[in-house]
C-alpha cells in the first residue's frame, strides 16, 4: 500500500488522512 503525504499536512499517520487515501485509491 502506498502512503501519500501532503505538504500542507505533516502528520501522514493521521487516521482520517489514511482513510481518505484508502478510499481515494478505491474509487479512482
PDB file of N, CA and C in Angstrom:
ATOM      1  N   UNK A   1       0.840  -1.202   0.000  1.00  0.00           N
ATOM      2  CA  UNK A   1       0.000   0.000   0.000  1.00  0.00           C
ATOM      3  C   UNK A   1       0.874   1.252   0.000  1.00  0.00           C
ATOM      4  N   UNK A   2       0.494   2.207  -0.822  1.00  0.00           N
ATOM      5  CA  UNK A   2       1.290   3.430  -0.948  1.00  0.00           C
ATOM      6  C   UNK A   2       0.760   4.513  -0.014  1.00  0.00           C
ATOM      7  N   UNK A   3       1.666   5.108   0.738  1.00  0.00           N
ATOM      8  CA  UNK A   3       1.266   6.170   1.668  1.00  0.00           C
ATOM      9  C   UNK A   3       1.675   7.524   1.095  1.00  0.00           C
ATOM     10  N   UNK A   4       0.688   8.391   0.915  1.00  0.00           N
ATOM     11  CA  UNK A   4       0.993   9.713   0.369  1.00  0.00           C
ATOM     12  C   UNK A   4       0.920  10.779   1.454  1.00  0.00           C
ATOM     13  N   UNK A   5       1.929  11.642   1.486  1.00  0.00           N
ATOM     14  CA  UNK A   5       1.947  12.707   2.490  1.00  0.00           C
ATOM     15  C   UNK A   5       1.745  14.046   1.793  1.00  0.00           C
ATOM     16  N   UNK A   6       0.814  14.820   2.308  1.00  0.00           N
ATOM     17  CA  UNK A   6       0.573  16.133   1.713  1.00  0.00           C
ATOM     18  C   UNK A   6       1.499  17.167   2.346  1.00  0.00           C
ATOM     19  N   UNK A   7       2.020  18.085   1.530  1.00  0.00           N
ATOM     20  CA  UNK A   7       2.923  19.127   2.017  1.00  0.00           C
ATOM     21  C   UNK A   7       2.291  19.981   3.117  1.00  0.00           C
ATOM     22  N   UNK A   8       0.986  20.215   2.987  1.00  0.00           N
ATOM     23  CA  UNK A   8       0.305  21.063   3.955  1.00  0.00           C
ATOM     24  C   UNK A   8       0.057  20.321   5.259  1.00  0.00           C
ATOM     25  N   UNK A   9       0.022  18.992   5.166  1.00  0.00           N
ATOM     26  CA  UNK A   9      -0.256  18.199   6.363  1.00  0.00           C
ATOM     27  C   UNK A   9       0.946  17.295   6.652  1.00  0.00           C
ATOM     28  N   UNK A  10       1.635  17.578   7.740  1.00  0.00           N
ATOM     29  CA  UNK A  10       2.854  16.844   8.059  1.00  0.00           C
ATOM     30  C   UNK A  10       2.554  15.497   8.697  1.00  0.00           C
ATOM     31  N   UNK A  11       1.421  15.377   9.385  1.00  0.00           N
ATOM     32  CA  UNK A  11       1.081  14.134  10.059  1.00  0.00           C
ATOM     33  C   UNK A  11       0.503  13.132   9.053  1.00  0.00           C
ATOM     34  N   UNK A  12       1.392  12.315   8.502  1.00  0.00           N
ATOM     35  CA  UNK A  12       0.990  11.364   7.467  1.00  0.00           C
ATOM     36  C   UNK A  12       0.312  10.157   8.084  1.00  0.00           C
ATOM     37  N   UNK A  13       0.545   9.951   9.363  1.00  0.00           N
ATOM     38  CA  UNK A  13      -0.003   8.771  10.025  1.00  0.00           C
ATOM     39  C   UNK A  13      -1.362   9.066  10.660  1.00  0.00           C
ATOM     40  N   UNK A  14      -1.949  10.193  10.248  1.00  0.00           N
ATOM     41  CA  UNK A  14      -3.262  10.541  10.779  1.00  0.00           C
ATOM     42  C   UNK A  14      -4.315   9.580  10.232  1.00  0.00           C
ATOM     43  N   UNK A  15      -5.158   9.073  11.106  1.00  0.00           N
ATOM     44  CA  UNK A  15      -6.103   8.031  10.728  1.00  0.00           C
ATOM     45  C   UNK A  15      -7.102   8.522   9.684  1.00  0.00           C
ATOM     46  N   UNK A  16      -7.594   9.718   9.838  1.00  0.00           N
ATOM     47  CA  UNK A  16      -8.573  10.262   8.897  1.00  0.00           C
ATOM     48  C   UNK A  16      -7.945  10.450   7.517  1.00  0.00           C
ATOM     49  N   UNK A  17      -6.688  10.886   7.513  1.00  0.00           N
ATOM     50  CA  UNK A  17      -5.982  11.099   6.260  1.00  0.00           C
ATOM     51  C   UNK A  17      -5.745   9.765   5.555  1.00  0.00           C
ATOM     52  N   UNK A  18      -5.436   8.748   6.348  1.00  0.00           N
ATOM     53  CA  UNK A  18      -5.186   7.422   5.794  1.00  0.00           C
ATOM     54  C   UNK A  18      -6.463   6.870   5.163  1.00  0.00           C
ATOM     55  N   UNK A  19      -7.574   7.117   5.811  1.00  0.00           N
ATOM     56  CA  UNK A  19      -8.862   6.657   5.287  1.00  0.00           C
ATOM     57  C   UNK A  19      -9.202   7.366   3.979  1.00  0.00           C
ATOM     58  N   UNK A  20      -8.888   8.648   3.909  1.00  0.00           N
ATOM     59  CA  UNK A  20      -9.139   9.417   2.692  1.00  0.00           C
ATOM     60  C   UNK A  20      -8.332   8.850   1.534  1.00  0.00           C
ATOM     61  N   UNK A  21      -7.064   8.542   1.803  1.00  0.00           N
ATOM     62  CA  UNK A  21      -6.194   7.979   0.770  1.00  0.00           C
ATOM     63  C   UNK A  21      -6.698   6.607   0.361  1.00  0.00           C
ATOM     64  N   UNK A  22      -7.120   5.814   1.361  1.00  0.00           N
ATOM     65  CA  UNK A  22      -7.610   4.466   1.107  1.00  0.00           C
ATOM     66  C   UNK A  22      -8.819   4.484   0.182  1.00  0.00           C
ATOM     67  N   UNK A  23      -9.797   5.301   0.512  1.00  0.00           N
ATOM     68  CA  UNK A  23     -10.998   5.396  -0.305  1.00  0.00           C
ATOM     69  C   UNK A  23     -10.702   6.039  -1.653  1.00  0.00           C
ATOM     70  N   UNK A  24      -9.740   6.954  -1.658  1.00  0.00           N
ATOM     71  CA  UNK A  24      -9.359   7.622  -2.893  1.00  0.00           C
ATOM     72  C   UNK A  24      -8.771   6.614  -3.878  1.00  0.00           C
ATOM     73  N   UNK A  25      -7.998   5.671  -3.366  1.00  0.00           N
ATOM     74  CA  UNK A  25      -7.385   4.665  -4.216  1.00  0.00           C
ATOM     75  C   UNK A  25      -8.439   3.684  -4.728  1.00  0.00           C
ATOM     76  N   UNK A  26      -9.467   3.434  -3.928  1.00  0.00           N
ATOM     77  CA  UNK A  26     -10.524   2.505  -4.327  1.00  0.00           C
ATOM     78  C   UNK A  26     -11.400   3.101  -5.420  1.00  0.00           C
ATOM     79  N   UNK A  27     -11.826   4.327  -5.226  1.00  0.00           N
ATOM     80  CA  UNK A  27     -12.758   4.943  -6.157  1.00  0.00           C
ATOM     81  C   UNK A  27     -12.070   5.624  -7.334  1.00  0.00           C
ATOM     82  N   UNK A  28     -10.768   5.469  -7.429  1.00  0.00           N
ATOM     83  CA  UNK A  28     -10.041   6.100  -8.539  1.00  0.00           C
ATOM     84  C   UNK A  28      -9.639   5.043  -9.554  1.00  0.00           C
TER      85      UNK A  28
END
